[in-house]
Amino acid sequence: MGKLSILSELWQFLKVRKKWWLGPIIIFLLLLGLLIVFTEGSALAPFIYALF
């Protein structure tokens, strides 16, 4: 229940404060984190880390 409450609080913050520009930034950071986690054990890791 903890993760869902954090997401709902974040959604409420974005909705009430009209901070819609934070949405794409949060999504990009989540996707980047998932990319790093899923490719850390693969042969693609050196190529991905070379980009940053």
PDB file of N, CA and C in Angstrom:
ATOM      1  N   MET A   1       0.825  -1.195   0.000  1.00  0.00           N
ATOM      2  CA  MET A   1       0.000   0.000   0.000  1.00  0.00           C
ATOM      3  C   MET A   1       0.869   1.259   0.000  1.00  0.00           C
ATOM      4  N   GLY A   2       2.100   1.152   0.466  1.00  0.00           N
ATOM      5  CA  GLY A   2       2.974   2.309   0.552  1.00  0.00           C
ATOM      6  C   GLY A   2       3.302   2.906  -0.803  1.00  0.00           C
ATOM      7  N   LYS A   3       3.587   2.037  -1.790  1.00  0.00           N
ATOM      8  CA  LYS A   3       3.934   2.534  -3.120  1.00  0.00           C
ATOM      9  C   LYS A   3       2.746   3.216  -3.781  1.00  0.00           C
ATOM     10  N   LEU A   4       1.578   2.663  -3.569  1.00  0.00           N
ATOM     11  CA  LEU A   4       0.386   3.261  -4.168  1.00  0.00           C
ATOM     12  C   LEU A   4       0.072   4.616  -3.543  1.00  0.00           C
ATOM     13  N   SER A   5       0.321   4.753  -2.255  1.00  0.00           N
ATOM     14  CA  SER A   5       0.036   6.044  -1.624  1.00  0.00           C
ATOM     15  C   SER A   5       1.016   7.115  -2.103  1.00  0.00           C
ATOM     16  N   ILE A   6       2.270   6.719  -2.357  1.00  0.00           N
ATOM     17  CA  ILE A   6       3.242   7.685  -2.884  1.00  0.00           C
ATOM     18  C   ILE A   6       2.822   8.143  -4.271  1.00  0.00           C
ATOM     19  N   LEU A   7       2.396   7.205  -5.101  1.00  0.00           N
ATOM     20  CA  LEU A   7       1.951   7.566  -6.451  1.00  0.00           C
ATOM     21  C   LEU A   7       0.708   8.443  -6.414  1.00  0.00           C
ATOM     22  N   SER A   8      -0.215   8.129  -5.515  1.00  0.00           N
ATOM     23  CA  SER A   8      -1.435   8.951  -5.442  1.00  0.00           C
ATOM     24  C   SER A   8      -1.117  10.350  -4.909  1.00  0.00           C
ATOM     25  N   GLU A   9      -0.199  10.451  -3.952  1.00  0.00           N
ATOM     26  CA  GLU A   9       0.190  11.774  -3.458  1.00  0.00           C
ATOM     27  C   GLU A   9       0.898  12.574  -4.539  1.00  0.00           C
ATOM     28  N   LEU A  10       1.742  11.920  -5.319  1.00  0.00           N
ATOM     29  CA  LEU A  10       2.412  12.605  -6.425  1.00  0.00           C
ATOM     30  C   LEU A  10       1.393  13.091  -7.444  1.00  0.00           C
ATOM     31  N   TRP A  11       0.431  12.252  -7.764  1.00  0.00           N
ATOM     32  CA  TRP A  11      -0.618  12.639  -8.716  1.00  0.00           C
ATOM     33  C   TRP A  11      -1.428  13.827  -8.188  1.00  0.00           C
ATOM     34  N   GLN A  12      -1.781  13.790  -6.906  1.00  0.00           N
ATOM     35  CA  GLN A  12      -2.522  14.900  -6.313  1.00  0.00           C
ATOM     36  C   GLN A  12      -1.704  16.193  -6.342  1.00  0.00           C
ATOM     37  N   PHE A  13      -0.398  16.095  -6.072  1.00  0.00           N
ATOM     38  CA  PHE A  13       0.465  17.268  -6.116  1.00  0.00           C
ATOM     39  C   PHE A  13       0.491  17.866  -7.520  1.00  0.00           C
ATOM     40  N   LEU A  14       0.671  16.996  -8.528  1.00  0.00           N
ATOM     41  CA  LEU A  14       0.717  17.486  -9.902  1.00  0.00           C
ATOM     42  C   LEU A  14      -0.606  18.122 -10.310  1.00  0.00           C
ATOM     43  N   LYS A  15      -1.704  17.536  -9.848  1.00  0.00           N
ATOM     44  CA  LYS A  15      -3.022  18.029 -10.225  1.00  0.00           C
ATOM     45  C   LYS A  15      -3.358  19.348  -9.540  1.00  0.00           C
ATOM     46  N   VAL A  16      -3.085  19.438  -8.254  1.00  0.00           N
ATOM     47  CA  VAL A  16      -3.451  20.634  -7.494  1.00  0.00           C
ATOM     48  C   VAL A  16      -2.540  21.807  -7.834  1.00  0.00           C
ATOM     49  N   ARG A  17      -1.249  21.556  -7.902  1.00  0.00           N
ATOM     50  CA  ARG A  17      -0.282  22.632  -8.129  1.00  0.00           C
ATOM     51  C   ARG A  17      -0.088  22.965  -9.601  1.00  0.00           C
ATOM     52  N   LYS A  18      -0.730  22.200 -10.496  1.00  0.00           N
ATOM     53  CA  LYS A  18      -0.627  22.419 -11.945  1.00  0.00           C
ATOM     54  C   LYS A  18       0.824  22.341 -12.427  1.00  0.00           C
ATOM     55  N   LYS A  19       1.554  21.364 -11.917  1.00  0.00           N
ATOM     56  CA  LYS A  19       2.958  21.161 -12.296  1.00  0.00           C
ATOM     57  C   LYS A  19       3.045  20.063 -13.359  1.00  0.00           C
ATOM     58  N   TRP A  20       2.333  20.222 -14.448  1.00  0.00           N
ATOM     59  CA  TRP A  20       2.264  19.182 -15.478  1.00  0.00           C
ATOM     60  C   TRP A  20       3.596  18.969 -16.179  1.00  0.00           C
ATOM     61  N   TRP A  21       4.477  19.967 -16.139  1.00  0.00           N
ATOM     62  CA  TRP A  21       5.773  19.836 -16.786  1.00  0.00           C
ATOM     63  C   TRP A  21       6.667  18.823 -16.068  1.00  0.00           C
ATOM     64  N   LEU A  22       6.328  18.470 -14.813  1.00  0.00           N
ATOM     65  CA  LEU A  22       7.109  17.469 -14.095  1.00  0.00           C
ATOM     66  C   LEU A  22       6.803  16.046 -14.576  1.00  0.00           C
ATOM     67  N   GLY A  23       5.662  15.850 -15.195  1.00  0.00           N
ATOM     68  CA  GLY A  23       5.264  14.519 -15.661  1.00  0.00           C
ATOM     69  C   GLY A  23       6.263  13.881 -16.615  1.00  0.00           C
ATOM     70  N   PRO A  24       6.616  14.543 -17.715  1.00  0.00           N
ATOM     71  CA  PRO A  24       7.586  13.943 -18.636  1.00  0.00           C
ATOM     72  C   PRO A  24       8.952  13.697 -18.009  1.00  0.00           C
ATOM     73  N   ILE A  25       9.365  14.555 -17.086  1.00  0.00           N
ATOM     74  CA  ILE A  25      10.654  14.365 -16.427  1.00  0.00           C
ATOM     75  C   ILE A  25      10.620  13.103 -15.570  1.00  0.00           C
ATOM     76  N   ILE A  26       9.558  12.917 -14.818  1.00  0.00           N
ATOM     77  CA  ILE A  26       9.428  11.738 -13.962  1.00  0.00           C
ATOM     78  C   ILE A  26       9.366  10.467 -14.805  1.00  0.00           C
ATOM     79  N   ILE A  27       8.607  10.498 -15.887  1.00  0.00           N
ATOM     80  CA  ILE A  27       8.504   9.326 -16.762  1.00  0.00           C
ATOM     81  C   ILE A  27       9.849   8.991 -17.383  1.00  0.00           C
ATOM     82  N   PHE A  28      10.578  10.010 -17.842  1.00  0.00           N
ATOM     83  CA  PHE A  28      11.901   9.791 -18.432  1.00  0.00           C
ATOM     84  C   PHE A  28      12.857   9.173 -17.417  1.00  0.00           C
ATOM     85  N   LEU A  29      12.859   9.679 -16.184  1.00  0.00           N
ATOM     86  CA  LEU A  29      13.747   9.140 -15.167  1.00  0.00           C
ATOM     87  C   LEU A  29      13.386   7.696 -14.814  1.00  0.00           C
ATOM     88  N   LEU A  30      12.109   7.382 -14.766  1.00  0.00           N
ATOM     89  CA  LEU A  30      11.692   6.006 -14.499  1.00  0.00           C
ATOM     90  C   LEU A  30      12.116   5.065 -15.615  1.00  0.00           C
ATOM     91  N   LEU A  31      11.930   5.492 -16.872  1.00  0.00           N
ATOM     92  CA  LEU A  31      12.333   4.660 -18.002  1.00  0.00           C
ATOM     93  C   LEU A  31      13.847   4.471 -18.050  1.00  0.00           C
ATOM     94  N   LEU A  32      14.586   5.515 -17.748  1.00  0.00           N
ATOM     95  CA  LEU A  32      16.038   5.414 -17.713  1.00  0.00           C
ATOM     96  C   LEU A  32      16.482   4.459 -16.606  1.00  0.00           C
ATOM     97  N   GLY A  33      15.868   4.538 -15.464  1.00  0.00           N
ATOM     98  CA  GLY A  33      16.180   3.609 -14.369  1.00  0.00           C
ATOM     99  C   GLY A  33      15.870   2.169 -14.735  1.00  0.00           C
ATOM    100  N   LEU A  34      14.724   1.948 -15.377  1.00  0.00           N
ATOM    101  CA  LEU A  34      14.381   0.588 -15.810  1.00  0.00           C
ATOM    102  C   LEU A  34      15.362   0.074 -16.850  1.00  0.00           C
ATOM    103  N   LEU A  35      15.778   0.924 -17.765  1.00  0.00           N
ATOM    104  CA  LEU A  35      16.755   0.527 -18.777  1.00  0.00           C
ATOM    105  C   LEU A  35      18.065   0.100 -18.129  1.00  0.00           C
ATOM    106  N   ILE A  36      18.522   0.838 -17.161  1.00  0.00           N
ATOM    107  CA  ILE A  36      19.771   0.494 -16.486  1.00  0.00           C
ATOM    108  C   ILE A  36      19.630  -0.805 -15.699  1.00  0.00           C
ATOM    109  N   VAL A  37      18.517  -0.990 -15.014  1.00  0.00           N
ATOM    110  CA  VAL A  37      18.313  -2.202 -14.216  1.00  0.00           C
ATOM    111  C   VAL A  37      18.223  -3.434 -15.102  1.00  0.00           C
ATOM    112  N   PHE A  38      17.490  -3.355 -16.204  1.00  0.00           N
ATOM    113  CA  PHE A  38      17.286  -4.536 -17.033  1.00  0.00           C
ATOM    114  C   PHE A  38      18.485  -4.884 -17.902  1.00  0.00           C
ATOM    115  N   THR A  39      19.371  -3.937 -18.155  1.00  0.00           N
ATOM    116  CA  THR A  39      20.503  -4.230 -19.024  1.00  0.00           C
ATOM    117  C   THR A  39      21.825  -4.351 -18.272  1.00  0.00           C
ATOM    118  N   GLU A  40      21.807  -4.305 -16.950  1.00  0.00           N
ATOM    119  CA  GLU A  40      23.080  -4.339 -16.236  1.00  0.00           C
ATOM    120  C   GLU A  40      23.781  -5.689 -16.358  1.00  0.00           C
ATOM    121  N   GLY A  41      23.052  -6.742 -16.594  1.00  0.00           N
ATOM    122  CA  GLY A  41      23.676  -8.057 -16.710  1.00  0.00           C
ATOM    123  C   GLY A  41      23.812  -8.522 -18.147  1.00  0.00           C
ATOM    124  N   SER A  42      23.504  -7.685 -19.103  1.00  0.00           N
ATOM    125  CA  SER A  42      23.531  -8.122 -20.495  1.00  0.00           C
ATOM    126  C   SER A  42      24.774  -7.612 -21.215  1.00  0.00           C
ATOM    127  N   ALA A  43      24.920  -8.025 -22.456  1.00  0.00           N
ATOM    128  CA  ALA A  43      26.058  -7.596 -23.275  1.00  0.00           C
ATOM    129  C   ALA A  43      25.883  -6.156 -23.754  1.00  0.00           C
ATOM    130  N   LEU A  44      24.699  -5.585 -23.623  1.00  0.00           N
ATOM    131  CA  LEU A  44      24.455  -4.211 -24.045  1.00  0.00           C
ATOM    132  C   LEU A  44      24.926  -3.182 -23.031  1.00  0.00           C
ATOM    133  N   ALA A  45      25.216  -3.614 -21.822  1.00  0.00           N
ATOM    134  CA  ALA A  45      25.565  -2.677 -20.754  1.00  0.00           C
ATOM    135  C   ALA A  45      26.724  -1.752 -21.106  1.00  0.00           C
ATOM    136  N   PRO A  46      27.830  -2.232 -21.657  1.00  0.00           N
ATOM    137  CA  PRO A  46      28.921  -1.289 -21.964  1.00  0.00           C
ATOM    138  C   PRO A  46      28.524  -0.213 -22.968  1.00  0.00           C
ATOM    139  N   PHE A  47      27.656  -0.539 -23.903  1.00  0.00           N
ATOM    140  CA  PHE A  47      27.234   0.435 -24.905  1.00  0.00           C
ATOM    141  C   PHE A  47      26.292   1.472 -24.313  1.00  0.00           C
ATOM    142  N   ILE A  48      25.425   1.050 -23.408  1.00  0.00           N
ATOM    143  CA  ILE A  48      24.494   1.977 -22.768  1.00  0.00           C
ATOM    144  C   ILE A  48      25.243   2.908 -21.838  1.00  0.00           C
ATOM    145  N   TYR A  49      26.177   2.365 -21.039  1.00  0.00           N
ATOM    146  CA  TYR A  49      26.925   3.198 -20.110  1.00  0.00           C
ATOM    147  C   TYR A  49      27.854   4.171 -20.848  1.00  0.00           C
ATOM    148  N   ALA A  50      28.269   3.792 -22.049  1.00  0.00           N
ATOM    149  CA  ALA A  50      29.121   4.693 -22.830  1.00  0.00           C
ATOM    150  C   ALA A  50      28.350   5.939 -23.283  1.00  0.00           C
ATOM    151  N   LEU A  51      27.035   5.847 -23.375  1.00  0.00           N
ATOM    152  CA  LEU A  51      26.232   7.001 -23.782  1.00  0.00           C
ATOM    153  C   LEU A  51      26.217   8.083 -22.715  1.00  0.00           C
ATOM    154  N   PHE A  52      26.405   7.703 -21.463  1.00  0.00           N
ATOM    155  CA  PHE A  52      26.335   8.658 -20.369  1.00  0.00           C
ATOM    156  C   PHE A  52      27.710   8.930 -19.846  1.00  0.00           C
TER     157      PHE A  52
END
